[in-house]
Amino acid sequence: MATVQINLPDALAQRARSEGLLSDDAIQRLLEDAMRRQAGRRLMQVAERLHSAGIEPMTEEEIDGEIQAARAERRAAQTRPPHSQ
């Protein structure tokens, strides 16, 4: 487990402490929530770029096919001897 030290203004640290937000569990939840929101924003940015580029969305069947192909390729790479890659 990593140890992280942060510097906060005293007033903010006191308010966060009084709200129970400086515990290990609370900070972990805050970071996980922030990372989920950030991933969602990135996904929306990609979707906007795809839309702007005029790229048609894939059907569910096409997505499933791509997933299956990627998995098959990964399995094949894992079973190949190292010298034949």
N, C-alpha and C. Protein backbone atom coordinates (compact mmCIF):
# COMPACT_ATOMS: atom_id res chain seq x y z
N MET A 1 0.85 -1.17 0.00
CA MET A 1 0.00 0.00 0.00
C MET A 1 0.89 1.23 0.00
N ALA A 2 0.51 2.24 -0.76
CA ALA A 2 1.29 3.48 -0.88
C ALA A 2 0.90 4.45 0.22
N THR A 3 1.87 5.25 0.63
CA THR A 3 1.62 6.34 1.56
C THR A 3 1.72 7.63 0.78
N VAL A 4 0.71 8.48 0.93
CA VAL A 4 0.66 9.74 0.21
C VAL A 4 0.55 10.88 1.22
N GLN A 5 1.37 11.88 1.05
CA GLN A 5 1.30 13.05 1.92
C GLN A 5 0.80 14.23 1.09
N ILE A 6 -0.20 14.93 1.61
CA ILE A 6 -0.72 16.10 0.90
C ILE A 6 -0.67 17.31 1.82
N ASN A 7 -0.56 18.48 1.23
CA ASN A 7 -0.59 19.73 1.98
C ASN A 7 -1.90 20.44 1.65
N LEU A 8 -2.65 20.77 2.70
CA LEU A 8 -3.93 21.45 2.54
C LEU A 8 -3.94 22.70 3.40
N PRO A 9 -4.67 23.71 2.98
CA PRO A 9 -4.86 24.86 3.86
C PRO A 9 -5.50 24.37 5.17
N ASP A 10 -5.12 24.99 6.28
CA ASP A 10 -5.62 24.53 7.59
C ASP A 10 -7.14 24.49 7.65
N ALA A 11 -7.80 25.53 7.14
CA ALA A 11 -9.26 25.58 7.22
C ALA A 11 -9.89 24.43 6.44
N LEU A 12 -9.36 24.14 5.26
CA LEU A 12 -9.89 23.03 4.46
C LEU A 12 -9.66 21.70 5.17
N ALA A 13 -8.46 21.51 5.70
CA ALA A 13 -8.14 20.27 6.41
C ALA A 13 -9.08 20.08 7.60
N GLN A 14 -9.35 21.15 8.34
CA GLN A 14 -10.24 21.05 9.50
C GLN A 14 -11.65 20.70 9.07
N ARG A 15 -12.16 21.35 8.00
CA ARG A 15 -13.50 21.04 7.52
C ARG A 15 -13.57 19.60 7.03
N ALA A 16 -12.56 19.16 6.27
CA ALA A 16 -12.54 17.79 5.75
C ALA A 16 -12.49 16.78 6.90
N ARG A 17 -11.68 17.08 7.89
CA ARG A 17 -11.57 16.18 9.05
C ARG A 17 -12.91 16.09 9.77
N SER A 18 -13.58 17.24 9.96
CA SER A 18 -14.86 17.23 10.68
C SER A 18 -15.95 16.50 9.90
N GLU A 19 -15.80 16.42 8.58
CA GLU A 19 -16.75 15.69 7.74
C GLU A 19 -16.35 14.22 7.57
N GLY A 20 -15.24 13.82 8.18
CA GLY A 20 -14.79 12.43 8.08
C GLY A 20 -14.17 12.09 6.74
N LEU A 21 -13.65 13.11 6.05
CA LEU A 21 -13.12 12.88 4.70
C LEU A 21 -11.62 12.65 4.65
N LEU A 22 -10.96 12.63 5.79
CA LEU A 22 -9.51 12.42 5.77
C LEU A 22 -9.10 11.01 6.19
N SER A 23 -10.06 10.12 6.33
CA SER A 23 -9.71 8.73 6.65
C SER A 23 -9.23 8.03 5.39
N ASP A 24 -8.49 6.96 5.55
CA ASP A 24 -8.00 6.19 4.40
C ASP A 24 -9.17 5.76 3.49
N ASP A 25 -10.23 5.23 4.10
CA ASP A 25 -11.38 4.76 3.31
C ASP A 25 -12.05 5.90 2.57
N ALA A 26 -12.23 7.04 3.24
CA ALA A 26 -12.90 8.18 2.61
C ALA A 26 -12.07 8.70 1.45
N ILE A 27 -10.78 8.83 1.62
CA ILE A 27 -9.92 9.32 0.55
C ILE A 27 -9.91 8.34 -0.61
N GLN A 28 -9.89 7.04 -0.32
CA GLN A 28 -9.94 6.04 -1.38
C GLN A 28 -11.23 6.19 -2.19
N ARG A 29 -12.36 6.35 -1.50
CA ARG A 29 -13.65 6.53 -2.20
C ARG A 29 -13.64 7.81 -3.03
N LEU A 30 -13.10 8.90 -2.47
CA LEU A 30 -13.04 10.16 -3.21
C LEU A 30 -12.21 10.01 -4.48
N LEU A 31 -11.06 9.35 -4.37
CA LEU A 31 -10.21 9.16 -5.54
C LEU A 31 -10.87 8.26 -6.58
N GLU A 32 -11.50 7.18 -6.14
CA GLU A 32 -12.18 6.28 -7.08
C GLU A 32 -13.32 7.00 -7.79
N ASP A 33 -14.09 7.81 -7.05
CA ASP A 33 -15.17 8.58 -7.68
C ASP A 33 -14.60 9.56 -8.69
N ALA A 34 -13.53 10.25 -8.33
CA ALA A 34 -12.92 11.22 -9.25
C ALA A 34 -12.40 10.53 -10.50
N MET A 35 -11.81 9.35 -10.36
CA MET A 35 -11.28 8.63 -11.52
C MET A 35 -12.41 8.15 -12.42
N ARG A 36 -13.54 7.73 -11.83
CA ARG A 36 -14.70 7.33 -12.63
C ARG A 36 -15.25 8.51 -13.41
N ARG A 37 -15.36 9.66 -12.76
CA ARG A 37 -15.86 10.85 -13.45
C ARG A 37 -14.91 11.24 -14.59
N GLN A 38 -13.61 11.18 -14.32
CA GLN A 38 -12.62 11.52 -15.35
C GLN A 38 -12.71 10.56 -16.53
N ALA A 39 -12.87 9.27 -16.25
CA ALA A 39 -13.01 8.28 -17.33
C ALA A 39 -14.28 8.56 -18.14
N GLY A 40 -15.36 8.94 -17.47
CA GLY A 40 -16.60 9.27 -18.16
C GLY A 40 -16.43 10.48 -19.07
N ARG A 41 -15.70 11.50 -18.58
CA ARG A 41 -15.45 12.69 -19.40
C ARG A 41 -14.62 12.32 -20.63
N ARG A 42 -13.60 11.47 -20.44
CA ARG A 42 -12.78 11.04 -21.58
C ARG A 42 -13.63 10.28 -22.59
N LEU A 43 -14.50 9.41 -22.11
CA LEU A 43 -15.36 8.64 -23.00
C LEU A 43 -16.27 9.58 -23.79
N MET A 44 -16.82 10.59 -23.14
CA MET A 44 -17.68 11.54 -23.83
C MET A 44 -16.89 12.35 -24.86
N GLN A 45 -15.65 12.67 -24.57
CA GLN A 45 -14.80 13.40 -25.53
C GLN A 45 -14.54 12.53 -26.76
N VAL A 46 -14.27 11.26 -26.55
CA VAL A 46 -14.04 10.35 -27.67
C VAL A 46 -15.32 10.22 -28.49
N ALA A 47 -16.45 10.08 -27.82
CA ALA A 47 -17.73 9.96 -28.53
C ALA A 47 -17.99 11.21 -29.36
N GLU A 48 -17.68 12.38 -28.81
CA GLU A 48 -17.88 13.62 -29.55
C GLU A 48 -16.97 13.67 -30.78
N ARG A 49 -15.70 13.24 -30.62
CA ARG A 49 -14.78 13.24 -31.76
C ARG A 49 -15.26 12.27 -32.84
N LEU A 50 -15.75 11.11 -32.44
CA LEU A 50 -16.26 10.14 -33.41
C LEU A 50 -17.46 10.72 -34.15
N HIS A 51 -18.34 11.34 -33.39
CA HIS A 51 -19.53 11.94 -34.01
C HIS A 51 -19.12 13.04 -34.98
N SER A 52 -18.19 13.90 -34.57
CA SER A 52 -17.72 15.00 -35.42
C SER A 52 -17.05 14.48 -36.69
N ALA A 53 -16.40 13.33 -36.58
CA ALA A 53 -15.71 12.75 -37.74
C ALA A 53 -16.67 12.01 -38.66
N GLY A 54 -17.93 11.89 -38.25
CA GLY A 54 -18.91 11.22 -39.09
C GLY A 54 -18.80 9.71 -39.06
N ILE A 55 -18.15 9.17 -38.05
CA ILE A 55 -17.99 7.71 -37.94
C ILE A 55 -19.28 7.13 -37.37
N GLU A 56 -19.83 6.17 -38.07
CA GLU A 56 -21.07 5.54 -37.64
C GLU A 56 -20.82 4.67 -36.40
N PRO A 57 -21.75 4.69 -35.46
CA PRO A 57 -21.59 3.82 -34.29
C PRO A 57 -21.68 2.35 -34.69
N MET A 58 -20.98 1.52 -33.94
CA MET A 58 -21.01 0.08 -34.21
C MET A 58 -22.28 -0.52 -33.60
N THR A 59 -22.76 -1.57 -34.24
CA THR A 59 -23.89 -2.29 -33.67
C THR A 59 -23.38 -3.16 -32.52
N GLU A 60 -24.30 -3.63 -31.72
CA GLU A 60 -23.92 -4.51 -30.62
C GLU A 60 -23.26 -5.78 -31.16
N GLU A 61 -23.74 -6.28 -32.28
CA GLU A 61 -23.16 -7.48 -32.89
C GLU A 61 -21.73 -7.22 -33.35
N GLU A 62 -21.49 -6.03 -33.93
CA GLU A 62 -20.13 -5.69 -34.36
C GLU A 62 -19.18 -5.58 -33.17
N ILE A 63 -19.67 -4.97 -32.10
CA ILE A 63 -18.84 -4.84 -30.90
C ILE A 63 -18.52 -6.22 -30.35
N ASP A 64 -19.53 -7.08 -30.26
CA ASP A 64 -19.30 -8.45 -29.77
C ASP A 64 -18.29 -9.18 -30.64
N GLY A 65 -18.40 -9.01 -31.96
CA GLY A 65 -17.45 -9.64 -32.87
C GLY A 65 -16.03 -9.16 -32.65
N GLU A 66 -15.86 -7.85 -32.44
CA GLU A 66 -14.53 -7.29 -32.18
C GLU A 66 -13.96 -7.83 -30.88
N ILE A 67 -14.80 -7.92 -29.85
CA ILE A 67 -14.36 -8.45 -28.56
C ILE A 67 -13.92 -9.90 -28.70
N GLN A 68 -14.72 -10.69 -29.39
CA GLN A 68 -14.39 -12.10 -29.59
C GLN A 68 -13.08 -12.25 -30.36
N ALA A 69 -12.89 -11.42 -31.40
CA ALA A 69 -11.66 -11.49 -32.20
C ALA A 69 -10.44 -11.11 -31.35
N ALA A 70 -10.58 -10.07 -30.54
CA ALA A 70 -9.45 -9.65 -29.68
C ALA A 70 -9.11 -10.73 -28.66
N ARG A 71 -10.14 -11.36 -28.10
CA ARG A 71 -9.90 -12.44 -27.13
C ARG A 71 -9.22 -13.63 -27.79
N ALA A 72 -9.67 -13.98 -28.98
CA ALA A 72 -9.08 -15.11 -29.71
C ALA A 72 -7.62 -14.81 -30.04
N GLU A 73 -7.35 -13.58 -30.44
CA GLU A 73 -5.97 -13.19 -30.76
C GLU A 73 -5.08 -13.26 -29.51
N ARG A 74 -5.61 -12.80 -28.39
CA ARG A 74 -4.85 -12.84 -27.13
C ARG A 74 -4.58 -14.29 -26.71
N ARG A 75 -5.60 -15.16 -26.84
CA ARG A 75 -5.40 -16.57 -26.49
C ARG A 75 -4.36 -17.21 -27.38
N ALA A 76 -4.42 -16.90 -28.67
CA ALA A 76 -3.46 -17.48 -29.62
C ALA A 76 -2.04 -17.01 -29.28
N ALA A 77 -1.89 -15.75 -28.91
CA ALA A 77 -0.56 -15.22 -28.57
C ALA A 77 -0.03 -15.87 -27.30
N GLN A 78 -0.91 -16.20 -26.37
CA GLN A 78 -0.49 -16.82 -25.11
C GLN A 78 -0.07 -18.27 -25.30
N THR A 79 -0.61 -18.94 -26.31
CA THR A 79 -0.28 -20.35 -26.51
C THR A 79 0.86 -20.56 -27.49
N ARG A 80 1.25 -19.50 -28.21
CA ARG A 80 2.37 -19.59 -29.16
C ARG A 80 3.68 -19.69 -28.42
N PRO A 81 4.62 -20.51 -28.91
CA PRO A 81 5.97 -20.53 -28.31
C PRO A 81 6.63 -19.17 -28.50
N PRO A 82 7.48 -18.76 -27.59
CA PRO A 82 8.10 -17.42 -27.64
C PRO A 82 8.83 -17.12 -28.95
N HIS A 83 9.50 -18.11 -29.56
CA HIS A 83 10.29 -17.84 -30.76
C HIS A 83 9.44 -17.63 -32.01
N SER A 84 8.15 -17.96 -31.98
CA SER A 84 7.34 -17.82 -33.19
C SER A 84 6.52 -16.55 -33.21
N GLN A 85 6.71 -15.66 -32.27
CA GLN A 85 5.91 -14.42 -32.23
C GLN A 85 6.40 -13.42 -33.15
